[in-house]
């Protein structure tokens, strides 16, 4: 079996943007909150509307629930390692 390597910068770009897209679809609420906090001017209005659509799509297919579970597990892990 031939194993594919990532030699080209274009291949790295595809990998990086694929991971970013997965993160956005898995955690749309956090990205949306981040964008809404920083959209004081109308510069981020179009991207914010796009993130709202992604948030609704993610909730419709159940992916946002997976993201919420992952955030909860990560928060629990952080709290266990760092006592107050």
N, C-alpha and C. Protein backbone atom coordinates (compact mmCIF):
# COMPACT_ATOMS: atom_id res chain seq x y z
N UNK A 1 0.84 -1.17 0.00
CA UNK A 1 0.00 0.00 0.00
C UNK A 1 0.89 1.24 0.00
N UNK A 2 0.56 2.20 -0.85
CA UNK A 2 1.32 3.44 -0.93
C UNK A 2 0.83 4.42 0.12
N UNK A 3 1.76 4.91 0.90
CA UNK A 3 1.42 5.91 1.90
C UNK A 3 1.68 7.29 1.32
N UNK A 4 0.71 8.15 1.40
CA UNK A 4 0.84 9.48 0.82
C UNK A 4 1.55 10.39 1.81
N UNK A 5 2.49 11.15 1.32
CA UNK A 5 3.20 12.11 2.16
C UNK A 5 2.75 13.52 1.79
N UNK A 6 2.96 14.42 2.70
CA UNK A 6 2.60 15.81 2.48
C UNK A 6 3.89 16.58 2.21
N UNK A 7 4.22 16.69 0.93
CA UNK A 7 5.46 17.36 0.54
C UNK A 7 5.22 18.78 0.05
N UNK A 8 4.11 18.99 -0.55
CA UNK A 8 3.81 20.27 -1.17
C UNK A 8 3.21 21.26 -0.17
N UNK A 9 3.52 22.54 -0.30
CA UNK A 9 2.85 23.54 0.56
C UNK A 9 1.34 23.54 0.35
N UNK A 10 0.88 23.21 -0.83
CA UNK A 10 -0.56 23.15 -1.10
C UNK A 10 -1.20 22.04 -0.29
N UNK A 11 -0.51 20.91 -0.17
CA UNK A 11 -1.03 19.81 0.64
C UNK A 11 -1.13 20.22 2.11
N UNK A 12 -0.12 20.94 2.60
CA UNK A 12 -0.16 21.42 3.99
C UNK A 12 -1.31 22.40 4.17
N UNK A 13 -1.54 23.24 3.18
CA UNK A 13 -2.66 24.18 3.25
C UNK A 13 -3.99 23.47 3.35
N UNK A 14 -4.14 22.40 2.56
CA UNK A 14 -5.38 21.62 2.61
C UNK A 14 -5.56 20.98 3.99
N UNK A 15 -4.48 20.45 4.54
CA UNK A 15 -4.56 19.83 5.86
C UNK A 15 -4.93 20.86 6.93
N UNK A 16 -4.27 22.00 6.91
CA UNK A 16 -4.52 23.03 7.92
C UNK A 16 -5.95 23.55 7.83
N UNK A 17 -6.41 23.86 6.61
CA UNK A 17 -7.76 24.37 6.47
C UNK A 17 -8.82 23.32 6.76
N UNK A 18 -8.50 22.06 6.55
CA UNK A 18 -9.44 21.00 6.90
C UNK A 18 -9.60 20.90 8.41
N UNK A 19 -8.51 21.01 9.13
CA UNK A 19 -8.57 20.98 10.59
C UNK A 19 -9.31 22.19 11.11
N UNK A 20 -9.06 23.37 10.53
CA UNK A 20 -9.77 24.57 10.95
C UNK A 20 -11.27 24.46 10.68
N UNK A 21 -11.64 23.91 9.53
CA UNK A 21 -13.06 23.74 9.21
C UNK A 21 -13.71 22.77 10.19
N UNK A 22 -13.03 21.70 10.54
CA UNK A 22 -13.57 20.76 11.52
C UNK A 22 -13.75 21.42 12.87
N UNK A 23 -12.80 22.25 13.27
CA UNK A 23 -12.91 22.96 14.55
C UNK A 23 -14.09 23.93 14.54
N UNK A 24 -14.28 24.63 13.43
CA UNK A 24 -15.39 25.58 13.35
C UNK A 24 -16.72 24.86 13.40
N UNK A 25 -16.83 23.73 12.71
CA UNK A 25 -18.08 22.99 12.73
C UNK A 25 -18.31 22.28 14.06
N UNK A 26 -17.23 21.93 14.77
CA UNK A 26 -17.39 21.26 16.05
C UNK A 26 -17.67 22.23 17.19
N UNK A 27 -17.11 23.43 17.10
CA UNK A 27 -17.27 24.42 18.17
C UNK A 27 -17.82 25.73 17.63
N UNK A 28 -18.97 25.71 16.96
CA UNK A 28 -19.45 26.95 16.34
C UNK A 28 -19.90 27.99 17.37
N UNK A 29 -20.38 27.55 18.52
CA UNK A 29 -20.85 28.49 19.52
C UNK A 29 -19.73 29.37 20.04
N UNK A 30 -18.58 28.79 20.28
CA UNK A 30 -17.45 29.56 20.77
C UNK A 30 -16.93 30.55 19.74
N UNK A 31 -16.87 30.13 18.50
CA UNK A 31 -16.42 31.03 17.44
C UNK A 31 -17.44 32.15 17.25
N UNK A 32 -18.71 31.81 17.30
CA UNK A 32 -19.76 32.82 17.14
C UNK A 32 -19.72 33.83 18.28
N UNK A 33 -19.56 33.37 19.50
CA UNK A 33 -19.45 34.29 20.64
C UNK A 33 -18.23 35.20 20.49
N UNK A 34 -17.13 34.63 20.06
CA UNK A 34 -15.90 35.40 19.85
C UNK A 34 -16.14 36.51 18.81
N UNK A 35 -16.80 36.14 17.72
CA UNK A 35 -17.04 37.12 16.66
C UNK A 35 -18.05 38.18 17.08
N UNK A 36 -19.07 37.79 17.84
CA UNK A 36 -20.07 38.76 18.29
C UNK A 36 -19.47 39.76 19.28
N UNK A 37 -18.52 39.31 20.11
CA UNK A 37 -17.88 40.21 21.05
C UNK A 37 -17.04 41.26 20.35
N UNK A 38 -16.49 40.90 19.20
CA UNK A 38 -15.57 41.79 18.51
C UNK A 38 -16.19 42.50 17.32
N UNK A 39 -17.48 42.40 17.14
CA UNK A 39 -18.12 43.03 15.98
C UNK A 39 -18.75 44.36 16.36
N UNK A 40 -18.01 45.19 17.07
CA UNK A 40 -18.50 46.50 17.44
C UNK A 40 -18.82 47.34 16.21
N UNK A 41 -17.94 47.29 15.23
CA UNK A 41 -18.27 47.94 13.96
C UNK A 41 -18.86 46.89 13.03
N UNK A 42 -19.24 47.31 11.88
CA UNK A 42 -19.92 46.38 10.97
C UNK A 42 -18.95 45.56 10.13
N UNK A 43 -17.69 45.57 10.48
CA UNK A 43 -16.69 44.85 9.70
C UNK A 43 -16.91 43.34 9.74
N UNK A 44 -17.37 42.82 10.86
CA UNK A 44 -17.56 41.38 11.00
C UNK A 44 -19.02 40.95 10.84
N UNK A 45 -19.88 41.77 10.29
CA UNK A 45 -21.30 41.42 10.22
C UNK A 45 -21.53 40.24 9.26
N UNK A 46 -20.89 40.24 8.10
CA UNK A 46 -21.09 39.13 7.15
C UNK A 46 -20.51 37.82 7.69
N UNK A 47 -19.27 37.81 8.22
CA UNK A 47 -18.77 36.56 8.79
C UNK A 47 -19.59 36.07 9.98
N UNK A 48 -20.13 37.02 10.77
CA UNK A 48 -20.95 36.63 11.92
C UNK A 48 -22.24 35.97 11.45
N UNK A 49 -22.84 36.50 10.40
CA UNK A 49 -24.04 35.87 9.85
C UNK A 49 -23.73 34.49 9.30
N UNK A 50 -22.58 34.34 8.67
CA UNK A 50 -22.16 33.03 8.17
C UNK A 50 -21.97 32.05 9.33
N UNK A 51 -21.38 32.52 10.43
CA UNK A 51 -21.18 31.64 11.58
C UNK A 51 -22.50 31.25 12.22
N UNK A 52 -23.50 32.14 12.19
CA UNK A 52 -24.82 31.77 12.70
C UNK A 52 -25.41 30.64 11.87
N UNK A 53 -25.23 30.71 10.55
CA UNK A 53 -25.73 29.64 9.67
C UNK A 53 -24.99 28.34 9.94
N UNK A 54 -23.68 28.43 10.15
CA UNK A 54 -22.89 27.24 10.46
C UNK A 54 -23.32 26.67 11.80
N UNK A 55 -23.61 27.53 12.76
CA UNK A 55 -24.07 27.08 14.08
C UNK A 55 -25.39 26.33 13.95
N UNK A 56 -26.31 26.84 13.15
CA UNK A 56 -27.59 26.16 12.95
C UNK A 56 -27.40 24.83 12.22
N UNK A 57 -26.53 24.81 11.22
CA UNK A 57 -26.28 23.56 10.49
C UNK A 57 -25.62 22.53 11.38
N UNK A 58 -24.68 22.98 12.20
CA UNK A 58 -23.99 22.07 13.11
C UNK A 58 -24.95 21.48 14.13
N UNK A 59 -25.87 22.31 14.61
CA UNK A 59 -26.87 21.81 15.57
C UNK A 59 -27.83 20.85 14.89
N UNK A 60 -28.14 21.10 13.62
CA UNK A 60 -29.08 20.24 12.91
C UNK A 60 -28.52 18.83 12.69
N UNK A 61 -27.23 18.73 12.46
CA UNK A 61 -26.66 17.41 12.23
C UNK A 61 -26.10 16.78 13.50
N UNK A 62 -26.15 17.51 14.62
CA UNK A 62 -25.73 16.95 15.89
C UNK A 62 -24.26 17.12 16.21
N UNK A 63 -23.54 17.85 15.40
CA UNK A 63 -22.11 18.00 15.62
C UNK A 63 -21.81 18.97 16.76
N UNK A 64 -22.67 19.94 16.98
CA UNK A 64 -22.40 20.89 18.07
C UNK A 64 -22.52 20.21 19.43
N UNK A 65 -23.36 19.17 19.53
CA UNK A 65 -23.46 18.42 20.78
C UNK A 65 -22.16 17.69 21.08
N UNK A 66 -21.53 17.17 20.04
CA UNK A 66 -20.23 16.51 20.21
C UNK A 66 -19.20 17.53 20.68
N UNK A 67 -19.23 18.71 20.08
CA UNK A 67 -18.32 19.77 20.50
C UNK A 67 -18.53 20.17 21.94
N UNK A 68 -19.79 20.24 22.37
CA UNK A 68 -20.09 20.59 23.77
C UNK A 68 -19.56 19.52 24.72
N UNK A 69 -19.69 18.26 24.34
CA UNK A 69 -19.16 17.18 25.17
C UNK A 69 -17.64 17.24 25.24
N UNK A 70 -17.00 17.54 24.12
CA UNK A 70 -15.54 17.66 24.12
C UNK A 70 -15.08 18.83 24.98
N UNK A 71 -15.78 19.97 24.90
CA UNK A 71 -15.43 21.11 25.74
C UNK A 71 -15.60 20.76 27.22
N UNK A 72 -16.67 20.04 27.55
CA UNK A 72 -16.89 19.64 28.94
C UNK A 72 -15.80 18.70 29.44
N UNK A 73 -15.41 17.75 28.60
CA UNK A 73 -14.35 16.83 28.99
C UNK A 73 -13.02 17.56 29.15
N UNK A 74 -12.76 18.51 28.26
CA UNK A 74 -11.52 19.28 28.35
C UNK A 74 -11.53 20.14 29.61
N UNK A 75 -12.65 20.78 29.91
CA UNK A 75 -12.74 21.61 31.12
C UNK A 75 -12.56 20.77 32.37
N UNK A 76 -13.14 19.57 32.38
CA UNK A 76 -12.99 18.69 33.54
C UNK A 76 -11.53 18.27 33.70
N UNK A 77 -10.86 18.02 32.61
CA UNK A 77 -9.45 17.63 32.66
C UNK A 77 -8.59 18.77 33.19
N UNK A 78 -8.87 19.98 32.74
CA UNK A 78 -8.10 21.13 33.21
C UNK A 78 -8.33 21.36 34.69
N UNK A 79 -9.57 21.24 35.15
CA UNK A 79 -9.86 21.45 36.56
C UNK A 79 -9.21 20.39 37.43
N UNK A 80 -9.07 19.18 36.93
CA UNK A 80 -8.42 18.12 37.71
C UNK A 80 -6.93 18.36 37.83
N UNK A 81 -6.30 18.91 36.79
CA UNK A 81 -4.87 19.10 36.81
C UNK A 81 -4.46 20.36 37.55
N UNK A 82 -5.28 21.39 37.54
CA UNK A 82 -4.92 22.66 38.16
C UNK A 82 -5.83 22.94 39.35
N UNK A 83 -5.45 22.50 40.55
CA UNK A 83 -6.29 22.80 41.70
C UNK A 83 -6.21 24.30 42.01
N UNK A 84 -7.31 24.87 42.53
CA UNK A 84 -7.32 26.32 42.81
C UNK A 84 -6.44 26.70 43.97
